[in-house]
Protein backbone atom coordinates (compact mmCIF):
# COMPACT_ATOMS: atom_id res chain seq x y z
CA MET A 1 10.27 -57.41 7.26
CA ILE A 2 10.30 -57.38 11.03
CA GLY A 3 12.16 -54.74 13.01
CA SER A 4 12.49 -53.77 16.62
CA GLY A 5 9.07 -52.81 18.00
CA SER A 6 7.06 -54.73 15.38
CA THR A 7 4.02 -56.61 16.63
CA LEU A 8 3.39 -60.16 15.45
CA GLN A 9 0.60 -62.67 15.87
CA VAL A 10 1.48 -66.09 17.26
CA SER A 11 0.73 -69.06 14.99
CA ASP A 12 0.78 -71.85 17.56
CA ASN A 13 -1.25 -73.02 20.53
CA SER A 14 1.21 -71.98 23.25
CA GLY A 15 -1.29 -69.52 24.75
CA ALA A 16 0.29 -66.28 23.53
CA LYS A 17 -1.73 -64.19 21.08
CA ILE A 18 0.30 -61.06 20.30
CA VAL A 19 4.05 -60.53 20.76
CA GLN A 20 6.40 -57.61 20.13
CA CYS A 21 9.91 -57.89 18.71
CA ILE A 22 12.48 -56.56 21.17
CA GLN A 23 15.61 -57.44 19.20
CA PRO A 24 17.91 -54.43 19.71
CA SER A 25 19.77 -54.44 16.39
CA GLY A 26 19.05 -52.13 13.47
CA LYS A 27 18.60 -54.89 10.89
CA SER A 28 15.31 -56.29 9.68
CA TYR A 29 14.24 -59.92 9.95
CA THR A 30 12.44 -62.11 7.44
CA ILE A 31 11.03 -65.64 7.22
CA GLY A 32 13.14 -68.19 9.10
CA ASP A 33 14.99 -65.74 11.37
CA VAL A 34 14.99 -66.35 15.12
CA ILE A 35 14.10 -63.22 17.10
CA THR A 36 13.55 -62.25 20.74
CA VAL A 37 9.97 -61.26 21.57
CA ALA A 38 7.98 -60.01 24.55
CA VAL A 39 4.53 -61.52 25.03
CA LYS A 40 1.94 -58.70 25.09
CA THR A 41 -1.33 -60.64 25.35
CA ALA A 42 -1.83 -64.26 26.34
CA GLY A 43 -4.71 -66.55 27.13
CA LYS A 44 -4.61 -69.78 29.07
CA GLY A 45 -1.57 -71.81 28.14
CA LYS A 46 2.12 -72.38 28.70
CA VAL A 47 3.19 -68.75 28.19
CA ALA A 48 2.28 -65.80 30.41
CA ALA A 49 1.92 -62.19 29.37
CA GLY A 50 5.09 -60.17 30.01
CA SER A 51 7.49 -63.04 29.49
CA VAL A 52 10.43 -62.89 27.07
CA GLN A 53 10.74 -65.74 24.54
CA LYS A 54 12.55 -66.69 21.36
CA ALA A 55 10.47 -67.03 18.19
CA VAL A 56 10.94 -67.94 14.54
CA VAL A 57 9.27 -65.72 11.92
CA VAL A 58 6.94 -67.75 9.65
CA GLU A 59 4.86 -65.10 7.82
CA THR A 60 5.62 -61.51 6.79
CA LYS A 61 3.62 -58.82 4.99
CA LYS A 62 6.71 -57.83 3.01
CA GLU A 63 7.14 -60.06 -0.03
CA PHE A 64 9.76 -62.80 0.18
CA LYS A 65 11.64 -63.69 -3.01
CA ARG A 66 12.57 -67.29 -3.70
CA LYS A 67 15.50 -68.39 -5.84
CA ASP A 68 13.18 -69.53 -8.64
CA GLY A 69 11.86 -65.97 -9.01
CA SER A 70 8.50 -66.44 -7.30
CA GLN A 71 7.40 -64.19 -4.46
CA LEU A 72 5.43 -64.96 -1.29
CA ARG A 73 3.40 -62.36 0.59
CA PHE A 74 1.13 -62.94 3.58
CA ASP A 75 -1.67 -60.90 5.14
CA ARG A 76 -0.02 -60.71 8.56
CA ASN A 77 3.26 -60.88 10.43
CA SER A 78 3.36 -64.03 12.53
CA CYS A 79 5.78 -66.24 14.42
CA VAL A 80 6.06 -69.53 16.32
CA LEU A 81 7.39 -69.41 19.90
CA LEU A 82 10.46 -71.53 20.67
CA GLY A 83 11.66 -73.08 23.91
CA THR A 84 15.17 -73.23 25.32
CA LYS A 85 16.40 -75.96 22.94
CA GLY A 86 14.91 -74.31 19.86
CA LEU A 87 11.85 -76.57 19.79
CA PRO A 88 8.31 -75.13 19.52
CA ILE A 89 6.46 -74.53 22.79
CA GLY A 90 3.05 -75.35 21.32
CA SER A 91 1.95 -78.72 20.00
CA ARG A 92 0.28 -77.37 16.83
CA VAL A 93 1.28 -74.76 14.27
CA LEU A 94 -1.67 -72.89 12.80
CA GLY A 95 -1.50 -71.06 9.49
CA PHE A 96 1.08 -71.33 6.74
CA VAL A 97 4.75 -72.23 7.02
CA THR A 98 7.22 -72.00 4.13
CA HIS A 99 9.69 -74.71 3.24
CA GLU A 100 12.57 -72.23 3.65
CA LEU A 101 12.58 -73.25 7.32
CA ARG A 102 14.11 -76.55 6.22
CA ALA A 103 17.37 -74.78 5.34
CA ARG A 104 17.36 -73.20 8.82
CA GLN A 105 17.03 -76.62 10.53
CA MET A 106 13.50 -75.94 11.86
CA MET A 107 12.24 -79.46 11.08
CA LYS A 108 10.02 -79.69 14.17
CA VAL A 109 8.13 -76.54 13.17
CA LEU A 110 7.63 -77.97 9.68
CA SER A 111 6.39 -81.31 11.01
CA LEU A 112 3.81 -79.62 13.29
CA ALA A 113 2.46 -77.36 10.53
CA ALA A 114 -0.67 -78.37 8.65
CA ARG A 115 0.05 -76.20 5.60
CA VAL A 116 3.53 -75.91 4.08
CA LEU A 117 4.10 -73.67 1.05
């Protein structure tokens, strides 16, 4: 579960490495939720450190229960940065992506991912 102030790793090749959730509400976010993040560290790429972006959460340490009763748990909290139209900034998605993003209309993120669970 992701809350305000949580740090996440970026799972795409946009140039950002670590981001921090700056969503002001008191609720927690899980896989498939779109959040507002501040880029803390960035390498060479399309995104600079200190910028504010939208991102979709793709992996969480807290287990995620599916309707069939199975649970998914990842080793890290990670996200994919989104542009103004809700499309990914990077051209590749690294790491795992769950098929629950299909229900949230994130088809472009799913098509760029190499591994879909």
